[in-house]
Amino acid sequence: MSTDEVESPGVRRVEQIMGMPILVDVRDDVGEGVLDQVFDWFRLVDETFSTYKHDSEIRRIARCELAVAEASADVQWVLERCEELREETNGYFDAYATRSLDPSGLVKGWSVDRAALLLARAGMENYAVNAGGDIRLRGGALPDPVWRVGIQHPRLPAQIAAVVEGSDLAVATSGTYARGEHVLDPHTRQSPTGALSVTITGPDLATADAYATAAFAMGERAAVWTATLPNGYEAMTILADDRVLLTRGFPRAG
């Protein structure tokens, strides 16, 4: 995905954290230290939730060196939410899909939601936070009154499959094109087939991210399941036969 790149007031900053580029694009006058605080937050998330860093809390829990009850409040909340989402998605969102603890499918969106909250508390009203293609939008891409986000086509990297438009919106996409075949069907432990990508929009990026992961793991059944999403969440599913299926309220730009 890519956010609108029209020149405007404010500042754009990109850093490589959690193994991906994180872009913060603020279209307001930014106070001193605000972006430092946001990127410090992402670094803390990486230190805490990384599945690669030996001393992260997630790795220590996986090695049975740290009890969940003794972990930080953020880790406890994330793991509790992962379990709620596992039940809600009939097991298709599962932090143990790879047999080892990996809550990354929730953590990325959750960390962006929290970063957006930091910006809002600092008085920012127009911003986009993009972590590896999962995006939280607020206000407008000034001077434009809204943000427009291009969803990359899963087969044709140089083409856009759709443009999403919004002023207070989370956008998450799951597919094979960003990180390869990293999503497994937790029930079969195999890579799903039948769907090329699933994009979910809604008010909460953590939830949208988990829904996108779950739907993609369902393969060809993704579009049927996304038609039952809770109020406020919408979906675009691109199937292996190149059909593009949208839920009724998907915020596609006209």
C-alpha atoms as a PDB file:
ATOM      1  CA  MET A   1       0.000   0.000   0.000  1.00  0.00           C
ATOM      2  CA  SER A   2       1.012   3.610  -0.359  1.00  0.00           C
ATOM      3  CA  THR A   3      -0.402   6.788   1.124  1.00  0.00           C
ATOM      4  CA  ASP A   4      -1.075  10.009  -0.778  1.00  0.00           C
ATOM      5  CA  GLU A   5       2.220  11.788  -1.504  1.00  0.00           C
ATOM      6  CA  VAL A   6       0.998  15.323  -2.232  1.00  0.00           C
ATOM      7  CA  GLU A   7       3.250  17.943  -0.624  1.00  0.00           C
ATOM      8  CA  SER A   8       1.625  19.490   2.436  1.00  0.00           C
ATOM      9  CA  PRO A   9       2.392  20.979   5.844  1.00  0.00           C
ATOM     10  CA  GLY A  10       3.887  18.643   8.399  1.00  0.00           C
ATOM     11  CA  VAL A  11       6.538  15.959   8.183  1.00  0.00           C
ATOM     12  CA  ARG A  12       7.110  12.424   6.899  1.00  0.00           C
ATOM     13  CA  ARG A  13       9.532  10.039   8.582  1.00  0.00           C
ATOM     14  CA  VAL A  14      10.408   6.417   7.849  1.00  0.00           C
ATOM     15  CA  GLU A  15      12.391   3.982   9.994  1.00  0.00           C
ATOM     16  CA  GLN A  16      13.055   0.255   9.644  1.00  0.00           C
ATOM     17  CA  ILE A  17      11.716  -1.394  12.807  1.00  0.00           C
ATOM     18  CA  MET A  18      10.253  -4.857  13.449  1.00  0.00           C
ATOM     19  CA  GLY A  19      11.733  -5.975  10.144  1.00  0.00           C
ATOM     20  CA  MET A  20       9.645  -3.578   8.043  1.00  0.00           C
ATOM     21  CA  PRO A  21       9.484   0.086   7.027  1.00  0.00           C
ATOM     22  CA  ILE A  22       7.286   2.203   9.286  1.00  0.00           C
ATOM     23  CA  LEU A  23       6.097   5.497   7.836  1.00  0.00           C
ATOM     24  CA  VAL A  24       4.560   8.294   9.876  1.00  0.00           C
ATOM     25  CA  ASP A  25       3.078  11.058   7.716  1.00  0.00           C
ATOM     26  CA  VAL A  26       1.708  14.014   9.691  1.00  0.00           C
ATOM     27  CA  ARG A  27       0.037  16.910   7.878  1.00  0.00           C
ATOM     28  CA  ASP A  28      -0.075  19.221  10.919  1.00  0.00           C
ATOM     29  CA  ASP A  29       2.588  21.340  12.594  1.00  0.00           C
ATOM     30  CA  VAL A  30       4.465  18.741  14.623  1.00  0.00           C
ATOM     31  CA  GLY A  31       5.779  19.575  18.065  1.00  0.00           C
ATOM     32  CA  GLU A  32       9.361  18.820  19.021  1.00  0.00           C
ATOM     33  CA  GLY A  33       9.909  15.208  20.038  1.00  0.00           C
ATOM     34  CA  VAL A  34       6.481  13.919  18.969  1.00  0.00           C
ATOM     35  CA  LEU A  35       7.812  11.622  16.241  1.00  0.00           C
ATOM     36  CA  ASP A  36      10.689  10.523  18.473  1.00  0.00           C
ATOM     37  CA  GLN A  37       8.099   9.351  20.986  1.00  0.00           C
ATOM     38  CA  VAL A  38       6.195   7.440  18.290  1.00  0.00           C
ATOM     39  CA  PHE A  39       9.266   5.634  16.947  1.00  0.00           C
ATOM     40  CA  ASP A  40      10.529   4.927  20.475  1.00  0.00           C
ATOM     41  CA  TRP A  41       7.188   3.196  21.015  1.00  0.00           C
ATOM     42  CA  PHE A  42       7.689   0.980  17.976  1.00  0.00           C
ATOM     43  CA  ARG A  43      11.187   0.075  19.181  1.00  0.00           C
ATOM     44  CA  LEU A  44       9.754  -0.904  22.583  1.00  0.00           C
ATOM     45  CA  VAL A  45       7.157  -3.107  20.847  1.00  0.00           C
ATOM     46  CA  ASP A  46       9.945  -4.794  18.888  1.00  0.00           C
ATOM     47  CA  GLU A  47      11.984  -5.447  22.020  1.00  0.00           C
ATOM     48  CA  THR A  48       8.940  -6.866  23.815  1.00  0.00           C
ATOM     49  CA  PHE A  49       7.134  -8.885  21.135  1.00  0.00           C
ATOM     50  CA  SER A  50       9.860  -9.942  18.699  1.00  0.00           C
ATOM     51  CA  THR A  51       9.889 -13.624  17.789  1.00  0.00           C
ATOM     52  CA  TYR A  52      13.561 -13.255  16.794  1.00  0.00           C
ATOM     53  CA  LYS A  53      15.133 -11.384  19.719  1.00  0.00           C
ATOM     54  CA  HIS A  54      16.305 -13.933  22.284  1.00  0.00           C
ATOM     55  CA  ASP A  55      15.343 -11.846  25.326  1.00  0.00           C
ATOM     56  CA  SER A  56      11.925 -10.606  24.207  1.00  0.00           C
ATOM     57  CA  GLU A  57       9.022 -11.489  26.477  1.00  0.00           C
ATOM     58  CA  ILE A  58       7.397 -13.507  23.695  1.00  0.00           C
ATOM     59  CA  ARG A  59      10.508 -15.647  23.196  1.00  0.00           C
ATOM     60  CA  ARG A  60      10.837 -16.131  26.967  1.00  0.00           C
ATOM     61  CA  ILE A  61       7.190 -17.207  27.227  1.00  0.00           C
ATOM     62  CA  ALA A  62       7.673 -19.612  24.317  1.00  0.00           C
ATOM     63  CA  ARG A  63      10.659 -21.150  26.140  1.00  0.00           C
ATOM     64  CA  CYS A  64       8.600 -21.421  29.360  1.00  0.00           C
ATOM     65  CA  GLU A  65      11.024 -19.041  31.099  1.00  0.00           C
ATOM     66  CA  LEU A  66       8.322 -16.446  31.756  1.00  0.00           C
ATOM     67  CA  ALA A  67       4.761 -17.117  32.844  1.00  0.00           C
ATOM     68  CA  VAL A  68       2.091 -15.115  31.046  1.00  0.00           C
ATOM     69  CA  ALA A  69       0.782 -13.957  34.428  1.00  0.00           C
ATOM     70  CA  GLU A  70       4.214 -12.442  35.133  1.00  0.00           C
ATOM     71  CA  ALA A  71       4.578 -10.740  31.747  1.00  0.00           C
ATOM     72  CA  SER A  72       4.002  -7.033  31.155  1.00  0.00           C
ATOM     73  CA  ALA A  73       0.438  -5.727  31.024  1.00  0.00           C
ATOM     74  CA  ASP A  74       0.718  -5.142  27.262  1.00  0.00           C
ATOM     75  CA  VAL A  75       1.802  -8.720  26.608  1.00  0.00           C
ATOM     76  CA  GLN A  76      -1.005 -10.093  28.761  1.00  0.00           C
ATOM     77  CA  TRP A  77      -3.576  -7.940  26.938  1.00  0.00           C
ATOM     78  CA  VAL A  78      -2.306  -8.959  23.489  1.00  0.00           C
ATOM     79  CA  LEU A  79      -2.354 -12.670  24.311  1.00  0.00           C
ATOM     80  CA  GLU A  80      -5.841 -12.410  25.821  1.00  0.00           C
ATOM     81  CA  ARG A  81      -7.060 -10.595  22.701  1.00  0.00           C
ATOM     82  CA  CYS A  82      -5.426 -13.245  20.487  1.00  0.00           C
ATOM     83  CA  GLU A  83      -7.432 -15.906  22.291  1.00  0.00           C
ATOM     84  CA  GLU A  84     -10.673 -13.921  21.882  1.00  0.00           C
ATOM     85  CA  LEU A  85      -9.996 -13.585  18.165  1.00  0.00           C
ATOM     86  CA  ARG A  86      -9.121 -17.267  17.837  1.00  0.00           C
ATOM     87  CA  GLU A  87     -12.558 -18.134  19.172  1.00  0.00           C
ATOM     88  CA  GLU A  88     -14.292 -15.455  17.059  1.00  0.00           C
ATOM     89  CA  THR A  89     -12.665 -16.677  13.836  1.00  0.00           C
ATOM     90  CA  ASN A  90     -13.244 -20.395  14.479  1.00  0.00           C
ATOM     91  CA  GLY A  91      -9.538 -20.898  14.991  1.00  0.00           C
ATOM     92  CA  TYR A  92      -8.384 -19.300  11.724  1.00  0.00           C
ATOM     93  CA  PHE A  93      -6.578 -16.549  13.612  1.00  0.00           C
ATOM     94  CA  ASP A  94      -4.233 -18.420  15.929  1.00  0.00           C
ATOM     95  CA  ALA A  95      -1.087 -17.114  17.624  1.00  0.00           C
ATOM     96  CA  TYR A  96       0.130 -20.734  17.604  1.00  0.00           C
ATOM     97  CA  ALA A  97      -0.581 -21.368  13.897  1.00  0.00           C
ATOM     98  CA  THR A  98       3.094 -22.221  13.357  1.00  0.00           C
ATOM     99  CA  ARG A  99       3.133 -24.307  16.585  1.00  0.00           C
ATOM    100  CA  SER A 100       5.293 -21.644  18.252  1.00  0.00           C
ATOM    101  CA  LEU A 101       3.921 -18.513  19.940  1.00  0.00           C
ATOM    102  CA  ASP A 102       3.735 -15.698  17.394  1.00  0.00           C
ATOM    103  CA  PRO A 103       1.157 -12.931  18.014  1.00  0.00           C
ATOM    104  CA  SER A 104       2.565 -10.782  15.175  1.00  0.00           C
ATOM    105  CA  GLY A 105      -0.740 -10.908  13.300  1.00  0.00           C
ATOM    106  CA  LEU A 106      -2.249  -8.757  16.051  1.00  0.00           C
ATOM    107  CA  VAL A 107       0.796  -6.899  17.353  1.00  0.00           C
ATOM    108  CA  LYS A 108       1.508  -4.931  14.176  1.00  0.00           C
ATOM    109  CA  GLY A 109      -1.963  -3.423  13.968  1.00  0.00           C
ATOM    110  CA  TRP A 110      -2.189  -2.914  17.736  1.00  0.00           C
ATOM    111  CA  SER A 111       1.139  -1.081  17.812  1.00  0.00           C
ATOM    112  CA  VAL A 112      -0.013   1.248  15.012  1.00  0.00           C
ATOM    113  CA  ASP A 113      -3.278   1.948  16.858  1.00  0.00           C
ATOM    114  CA  ARG A 114      -1.265   2.928  19.934  1.00  0.00           C
ATOM    115  CA  ALA A 115       1.105   5.082  17.858  1.00  0.00           C
ATOM    116  CA  ALA A 116      -1.906   6.891  16.385  1.00  0.00           C
ATOM    117  CA  LEU A 117      -3.175   7.497  19.918  1.00  0.00           C
ATOM    118  CA  LEU A 118       0.168   9.086  20.827  1.00  0.00           C
ATOM    119  CA  LEU A 119      -0.191  11.451  17.863  1.00  0.00           C
ATOM    120  CA  ALA A 120      -3.781  12.309  18.801  1.00  0.00           C
ATOM    121  CA  ARG A 121      -2.789  13.038  22.400  1.00  0.00           C
ATOM    122  CA  ALA A 122      -0.092  15.377  21.072  1.00  0.00           C
ATOM    123  CA  GLY A 123      -2.793  17.343  19.243  1.00  0.00           C
ATOM    124  CA  MET A 124      -2.292  15.901  15.753  1.00  0.00           C
ATOM    125  CA  GLU A 125      -5.476  15.717  13.672  1.00  0.00           C
ATOM    126  CA  ASN A 126      -4.245  14.753  10.174  1.00  0.00           C
ATOM    127  CA  TYR A 127      -1.916  11.783   9.906  1.00  0.00           C
ATOM    128  CA  ALA A 128      -1.257   8.344   8.461  1.00  0.00           C
ATOM    129  CA  VAL A 129       0.779   5.631  10.190  1.00  0.00           C
ATOM    130  CA  ASN A 130       1.835   2.806   7.873  1.00  0.00           C
ATOM    131  CA  ALA A 131       3.608  -0.286   9.222  1.00  0.00           C
ATOM    132  CA  GLY A 132       4.494  -2.632   6.388  1.00  0.00           C
ATOM    133  CA  GLY A 133       1.231  -1.911   4.573  1.00  0.00           C
ATOM    134  CA  ASP A 134      -1.137  -1.865   7.543  1.00  0.00           C
ATOM    135  CA  ILE A 135      -2.353   1.703   7.927  1.00  0.00           C
ATOM    136  CA  ARG A 136      -4.199   3.948  10.362  1.00  0.00           C
ATOM    137  CA  LEU A 137      -5.626   7.125   8.828  1.00  0.00           C
ATOM    138  CA  ARG A 138      -6.992  10.207  10.534  1.00  0.00           C
ATOM    139  CA  GLY A 139      -8.191  13.542   9.128  1.00  0.00           C
ATOM    140  CA  GLY A 140      -6.961  14.356   5.648  1.00  0.00           C
ATOM    141  CA  ALA A 141      -3.864  14.299   3.457  1.00  0.00           C
ATOM    142  CA  LEU A 142      -3.805  18.089   3.521  1.00  0.00           C
ATOM    143  CA  PRO A 143      -4.433  19.968   1.350  1.00  0.00           C
ATOM    144  CA  ASP A 144      -6.766  17.090   0.367  1.00  0.00           C
ATOM    145  CA  PRO A 145      -9.591  16.609   2.894  1.00  0.00           C
ATOM    146  CA  VAL A 146      -9.291  12.785   2.956  1.00  0.00           C
ATOM    147  CA  TRP A 147      -6.627  10.111   2.608  1.00  0.00           C
ATOM    148  CA  ARG A 148      -6.473   7.752  -0.348  1.00  0.00           C
ATOM    149  CA  VAL A 149      -4.643   4.441  -0.042  1.00  0.00           C
ATOM    150  CA  GLY A 150      -3.751   2.247  -3.008  1.00  0.00           C
ATOM    151  CA  ILE A 151      -4.082  -1.535  -2.509  1.00  0.00           C
ATOM    152  CA  GLN A 152      -1.366  -3.265  -4.521  1.00  0.00           C
ATOM    153  CA  HIS A 153      -2.568  -5.964  -6.905  1.00  0.00           C
ATOM    154  CA  PRO A 154      -1.305  -9.351  -5.617  1.00  0.00           C
ATOM    155  CA  ARG A 155      -0.359 -10.632  -9.093  1.00  0.00           C
ATOM    156  CA  LEU A 156       0.766  -7.354 -10.698  1.00  0.00           C
ATOM    157  CA  PRO A 157       3.031  -5.395  -8.324  1.00  0.00           C
ATOM    158  CA  ALA A 158       3.025  -2.312 -10.552  1.00  0.00           C
ATOM    159  CA  GLN A 159      -0.771  -2.081 -10.543  1.00  0.00           C
ATOM    160  CA  ILE A 160      -3.312  -0.943  -7.958  1.00  0.00           C
ATOM    161  CA  ALA A 161      -6.272  -3.250  -7.348  1.00  0.00           C
ATOM    162  CA  ALA A 162      -8.353  -0.587  -5.623  1.00  0.00           C
ATOM    163  CA  VAL A 163      -8.078   2.775  -3.889  1.00  0.00           C
ATOM    164  CA  VAL A 164      -9.544   3.132  -0.407  1.00  0.00           C
ATOM    165  CA  GLU A 165     -10.692   6.539   0.793  1.00  0.00           C
ATOM    166  CA  GLY A 166     -11.266   7.692   4.361  1.00  0.00           C
ATOM    167  CA  SER A 167     -10.666  10.229   7.091  1.00  0.00           C
ATOM    168  CA  ASP A 168     -10.848   7.958  10.146  1.00  0.00           C
ATOM    169  CA  LEU A 169     -10.037   4.447   9.047  1.00  0.00           C
ATOM    170  CA  ALA A 170      -7.826   1.403   9.577  1.00  0.00           C
ATOM    171  CA  VAL A 171      -6.726  -0.628   6.537  1.00  0.00           C
ATOM    172  CA  ALA A 172      -5.074  -4.061   6.757  1.00  0.00           C
ATOM    173  CA  THR A 173      -4.172  -6.471   3.953  1.00  0.00           C
ATOM    174  CA  SER A 174      -3.070 -10.094   4.133  1.00  0.00           C
ATOM    175  CA  GLY A 175      -1.662 -11.961   1.149  1.00  0.00           C
ATOM    176  CA  THR A 176       1.377 -13.774  -0.188  1.00  0.00           C
ATOM    177  CA  TYR A 177       2.901 -10.810  -2.025  1.00  0.00           C
ATOM    178  CA  ALA A 178       4.311  -8.892   0.952  1.00  0.00           C
ATOM    179  CA  ARG A 179       6.141 -11.566   2.941  1.00  0.00           C
ATOM    180  CA  GLY A 180       5.723 -14.709   0.900  1.00  0.00           C
ATOM    181  CA  GLU A 181       3.668 -17.646   2.139  1.00  0.00           C
ATOM    182  CA  HIS A 182       3.782 -16.670   5.811  1.00  0.00           C
ATOM    183  CA  VAL A 183       0.104 -17.288   6.645  1.00  0.00           C
ATOM    184  CA  LEU A 184      -0.934 -20.872   7.400  1.00  0.00           C
ATOM    185  CA  ASP A 185      -4.321 -22.451   7.818  1.00  0.00           C
ATOM    186  CA  PRO A 186      -4.031 -23.374  11.531  1.00  0.00           C
ATOM    187  CA  HIS A 187      -6.281 -26.410  11.018  1.00  0.00           C
ATOM    188  CA  THR A 188      -4.141 -28.013   8.300  1.00  0.00           C
ATOM    189  CA  ARG A 189      -0.759 -26.296   8.942  1.00  0.00           C
ATOM    190  CA  GLN A 190      -0.634 -25.727   5.168  1.00  0.00           C
ATOM    191  CA  SER A 191      -0.597 -22.549   3.089  1.00  0.00           C
ATOM    192  CA  PRO A 192      -4.174 -21.673   2.091  1.00  0.00           C
ATOM    193  CA  THR A 193      -5.288 -21.700  -1.531  1.00  0.00           C
ATOM    194  CA  GLY A 194      -8.036 -19.936  -3.414  1.00  0.00           C
ATOM    195  CA  ALA A 195      -7.462 -16.355  -2.249  1.00  0.00           C
ATOM    196  CA  LEU A 196      -4.715 -13.991  -3.372  1.00  0.00           C
ATOM    197  CA  SER A 197      -5.330 -11.242  -0.842  1.00  0.00           C
ATOM    198  CA  VAL A 198      -7.848  -9.957   1.684  1.00  0.00           C
ATOM    199  CA  THR A 199      -8.118  -6.300   2.683  1.00  0.00           C
ATOM    200  CA  ILE A 200     -10.134  -5.345   5.765  1.00  0.00           C
ATOM    201  CA  THR A 201     -11.124  -1.802   6.724  1.00  0.00           C
ATOM    202  CA  GLY A 202     -12.626  -0.680  10.005  1.00  0.00           C
ATOM    203  CA  PRO A 203     -12.233   1.418  13.140  1.00  0.00           C
ATOM    204  CA  ASP A 204      -9.531  -0.670  14.854  1.00  0.00           C
ATOM    205  CA  LEU A 205      -6.371  -1.757  13.032  1.00  0.00           C
ATOM    206  CA  ALA A 206      -5.481  -4.546  15.456  1.00  0.00           C
ATOM    207  CA  THR A 207      -8.832  -6.219  14.833  1.00  0.00           C
ATOM    208  CA  ALA A 208      -8.755  -5.516  11.083  1.00  0.00           C
ATOM    209  CA  ASP A 209      -5.263  -7.026  10.886  1.00  0.00           C
ATOM    210  CA  ALA A 210      -6.399 -10.192  12.670  1.00  0.00           C
ATOM    211  CA  TYR A 211      -9.535 -10.471  10.520  1.00  0.00           C
ATOM    212  CA  ALA A 212      -7.440 -10.125   7.342  1.00  0.00           C
ATOM    213  CA  THR A 213      -5.080 -12.858   8.521  1.00  0.00           C
ATOM    214  CA  ALA A 214      -7.959 -15.158   9.457  1.00  0.00           C
ATOM    215  CA  ALA A 215      -9.832 -14.586   6.197  1.00  0.00           C
ATOM    216  CA  PHE A 216      -6.745 -15.206   4.088  1.00  0.00           C
ATOM    217  CA  ALA A 217      -6.080 -18.417   6.043  1.00  0.00           C
ATOM    218  CA  MET A 218      -9.552 -19.595   5.010  1.00  0.00           C
ATOM    219  CA  GLY A 219      -8.554 -19.514   1.337  1.00  0.00           C
ATOM    220  CA  GLU A 220     -11.486 -19.637  -1.099  1.00  0.00           C
ATOM    221  CA  ARG A 221     -13.986 -19.378   1.801  1.00  0.00           C
ATOM    222  CA  ALA A 222     -12.661 -15.912   2.716  1.00  0.00           C
ATOM    223  CA  ALA A 223     -15.329 -13.910   0.900  1.00  0.00           C
ATOM    224  CA  VAL A 224     -18.163 -15.891   2.496  1.00  0.00           C
ATOM    225  CA  TRP A 225     -16.783 -15.289   5.986  1.00  0.00           C
ATOM    226  CA  THR A 226     -16.019 -11.589   5.472  1.00  0.00           C
ATOM    227  CA  ALA A 227     -19.671 -11.046   4.530  1.00  0.00           C
ATOM    228  CA  THR A 228     -20.437 -11.767   8.214  1.00  0.00           C
ATOM    229  CA  LEU A 229     -17.986  -9.257   9.738  1.00  0.00           C
ATOM    230  CA  PRO A 230     -19.201  -7.100  12.635  1.00  0.00           C
ATOM    231  CA  ASN A 231     -20.606  -3.622  12.019  1.00  0.00           C
ATOM    232  CA  GLY A 232     -17.981  -1.150  10.831  1.00  0.00           C
ATOM    233  CA  TYR A 233     -15.686  -3.712   9.200  1.00  0.00           C
ATOM    234  CA  GLU A 234     -15.637  -4.194   5.423  1.00  0.00           C
ATOM    235  CA  ALA A 235     -13.632  -6.390   3.064  1.00  0.00           C
ATOM    236  CA  MET A 236     -12.189  -6.752  -0.403  1.00  0.00           C
ATOM    237  CA  THR A 237     -11.173 -10.279  -1.368  1.00  0.00           C
ATOM    238  CA  ILE A 238      -9.213 -11.073  -4.527  1.00  0.00           C
ATOM    239  CA  LEU A 239      -9.615 -14.739  -5.423  1.00  0.00           C
ATOM    240  CA  ALA A 240      -7.187 -16.944  -7.338  1.00  0.00           C
ATOM    241  CA  ASP A 241      -9.423 -16.742 -10.425  1.00  0.00           C
ATOM    242  CA  ASP A 242      -8.966 -12.919 -10.295  1.00  0.00           C
ATOM    243  CA  ARG A 243     -12.508 -12.179  -9.131  1.00  0.00           C
ATOM    244  CA  VAL A 244     -12.671  -9.157  -6.820  1.00  0.00           C
ATOM    245  CA  LEU A 245     -15.423  -9.399  -4.198  1.00  0.00           C
ATOM    246  CA  LEU A 246     -16.408  -6.410  -2.050  1.00  0.00           C
ATOM    247  CA  THR A 247     -18.673  -6.200   0.962  1.00  0.00           C
ATOM    248  CA  ARG A 248     -21.472  -3.666   0.617  1.00  0.00           C
ATOM    249  CA  GLY A 249     -19.806  -0.820   2.537  1.00  0.00           C
ATOM    250  CA  PHE A 250     -16.200  -1.222   1.413  1.00  0.00           C
ATOM    251  CA  PRO A 251     -14.843   2.382   1.211  1.00  0.00           C
ATOM    252  CA  ARG A 252     -13.566   2.251  -2.356  1.00  0.00           C
ATOM    253  CA  ALA A 253     -12.832   5.655  -3.847  1.00  0.00           C
ATOM    254  CA  GLY A 254     -15.206   6.634  -6.638  1.00  0.00           C
END
